[in-house]
């Protein structure tokens, strides 16, 4: 169990709306076993790989962002059709991060592509 989570989300499954999947993310903290790294704990109650899990980052923000990304991956990997606030199944509103592994130019290109797709989609919706 994550003591004093800073964020939680309760999801349901499309097959059983009464089944709760509870995501809890802890506050990032300085890792006492390393040289300046941070860690962030999270747990997902109601799935097979519930945790608790720990991710590490160079600072508190990176640790938190990596925890959110890992939560999304574990929810996707669970194989469950998850629902949040009556959205469509598998739309549990935890966005993917754009990877910076290949450098800032690559990441900005992906972000620009996403922005263009959003604009195109929005224009198509507006036209009916």
Protein backbone atom coordinates (compact mmCIF):
# COMPACT_ATOMS: atom_id res chain seq x y z
CA UNK A 1 0.00 0.00 0.00
CA UNK A 2 1.26 3.48 -0.86
CA UNK A 3 1.27 5.63 2.27
CA UNK A 4 -0.26 9.06 1.67
CA UNK A 5 -0.52 8.93 -2.14
CA UNK A 6 -0.28 12.25 -3.95
CA UNK A 7 -2.55 11.00 -6.74
CA UNK A 8 -5.15 8.27 -7.15
CA UNK A 9 -7.50 7.14 -9.88
CA UNK A 10 -10.26 4.59 -9.60
CA UNK A 11 -11.02 2.69 -12.79
CA UNK A 12 -13.59 0.01 -13.56
CA UNK A 13 -13.60 -2.78 -16.09
CA UNK A 14 -15.97 -2.65 -19.05
CA UNK A 15 -17.04 -6.22 -18.32
CA UNK A 16 -17.75 -5.55 -14.64
CA UNK A 17 -18.39 -1.88 -13.74
CA UNK A 18 -18.41 -2.83 -10.04
CA UNK A 19 -14.80 -4.07 -10.18
CA UNK A 20 -12.43 -1.34 -8.98
CA UNK A 21 -8.87 -0.93 -10.19
CA UNK A 22 -7.18 1.62 -7.94
CA UNK A 23 -4.05 3.45 -9.06
CA UNK A 24 -2.03 5.13 -6.29
CA UNK A 25 1.13 7.18 -6.87
CA UNK A 26 3.36 8.23 -4.00
CA UNK A 27 5.31 11.42 -3.59
CA UNK A 28 8.76 11.36 -5.22
CA UNK A 29 11.54 11.08 -2.67
CA UNK A 30 15.30 11.20 -2.65
CA UNK A 31 16.69 7.67 -2.94
CA UNK A 32 18.82 7.06 0.14
CA UNK A 33 20.71 4.22 -1.60
CA UNK A 34 22.08 6.24 -4.52
CA UNK A 35 23.93 9.39 -5.41
CA UNK A 36 21.28 11.99 -6.09
CA UNK A 37 18.66 9.79 -7.77
CA UNK A 38 15.00 10.11 -6.90
CA UNK A 39 12.36 7.40 -6.68
CA UNK A 40 8.60 7.29 -6.97
CA UNK A 41 6.42 4.41 -5.77
CA UNK A 42 3.11 3.35 -7.25
CA UNK A 43 0.63 0.54 -6.90
CA UNK A 44 -2.31 -0.67 -8.98
CA UNK A 45 -4.75 -2.62 -6.82
CA UNK A 46 -6.94 -5.03 -8.75
CA UNK A 47 -4.55 -6.25 -11.44
CA UNK A 48 -2.21 -9.23 -11.43
CA UNK A 49 0.99 -7.13 -11.27
CA UNK A 50 -0.30 -4.82 -8.51
CA UNK A 51 3.04 -3.92 -6.96
CA UNK A 52 4.10 -1.85 -5.13
CA UNK A 53 6.52 -0.70 -7.83
CA UNK A 54 9.41 1.76 -7.70
CA UNK A 55 10.81 3.83 -10.56
CA UNK A 56 13.93 6.00 -10.46
CA UNK A 57 14.68 9.35 -12.04
CA UNK A 58 17.43 11.93 -12.11
CA UNK A 59 15.16 14.37 -10.23
CA UNK A 60 11.74 14.31 -8.59
CA UNK A 61 9.87 15.38 -11.74
CA UNK A 62 11.44 12.68 -13.90
CA UNK A 63 10.68 10.05 -11.24
CA UNK A 64 7.04 11.17 -11.13
CA UNK A 65 6.67 11.25 -14.92
CA UNK A 66 8.25 7.82 -15.26
CA UNK A 67 5.87 6.47 -12.61
CA UNK A 68 2.87 7.79 -14.56
CA UNK A 69 4.24 6.28 -17.78
CA UNK A 70 4.84 2.94 -16.05
CA UNK A 71 1.30 2.99 -14.62
CA UNK A 72 -0.08 3.43 -18.14
CA UNK A 73 2.07 0.59 -19.48
CA UNK A 74 1.02 -1.77 -16.69
CA UNK A 75 -2.66 -0.92 -17.23
CA UNK A 76 -2.26 -1.58 -20.96
CA UNK A 77 -0.42 -4.84 -20.24
CA UNK A 78 -3.14 -6.01 -17.84
CA UNK A 79 -5.33 -7.02 -20.79
CA UNK A 80 -8.36 -5.47 -19.11
CA UNK A 81 -10.76 -3.12 -20.87
CA UNK A 82 -10.58 -0.30 -18.35
CA UNK A 83 -13.03 2.57 -18.05
CA UNK A 84 -12.76 5.89 -16.26
CA UNK A 85 -15.75 8.21 -15.77
CA UNK A 86 -17.87 6.36 -18.33
CA UNK A 87 -15.45 6.98 -21.18
CA UNK A 88 -15.04 4.43 -23.92
CA UNK A 89 -13.23 1.22 -22.86
CA UNK A 90 -9.44 1.55 -22.75
CA UNK A 91 -9.69 5.36 -22.58
CA UNK A 92 -8.58 5.75 -18.99
CA UNK A 93 -7.11 9.20 -19.69
CA UNK A 94 -3.50 8.65 -18.72
CA UNK A 95 -1.49 10.04 -21.64
CA UNK A 96 1.66 8.54 -23.08
CA UNK A 97 4.80 10.56 -22.81
CA UNK A 98 6.71 11.45 -25.93
CA UNK A 99 10.06 9.66 -25.58
CA UNK A 100 13.17 11.81 -25.35
CA UNK A 101 15.46 8.81 -25.68
CA UNK A 102 16.32 9.76 -29.27
CA UNK A 103 16.91 13.44 -28.50
CA UNK A 104 14.94 16.64 -28.31
CA UNK A 105 14.63 17.11 -32.08
CA UNK A 106 12.97 13.71 -32.49
CA UNK A 107 10.62 14.40 -29.56
CA UNK A 108 9.63 17.82 -30.92
CA UNK A 109 8.94 16.26 -34.33
CA UNK A 110 6.60 13.74 -32.69
CA UNK A 111 4.92 16.51 -30.68
CA UNK A 112 4.44 18.57 -33.85
CA UNK A 113 2.93 15.55 -35.63
CA UNK A 114 0.51 15.04 -32.73
CA UNK A 115 -0.46 18.73 -32.75
CA UNK A 116 -1.11 18.61 -36.50
CA UNK A 117 -3.26 15.47 -36.15
CA UNK A 118 -5.25 17.10 -33.34
CA UNK A 119 -5.86 20.19 -35.44
CA UNK A 120 -6.91 18.13 -38.47
CA UNK A 121 -9.25 16.01 -36.34
CA UNK A 122 -10.73 19.11 -34.67
CA UNK A 123 -11.34 20.79 -38.03
CA UNK A 124 -13.05 17.65 -39.34
CA UNK A 125 -15.31 17.57 -36.27
CA UNK A 126 -16.19 21.24 -36.70
CA UNK A 127 -17.19 20.66 -40.34
CA UNK A 128 -19.52 17.87 -39.26
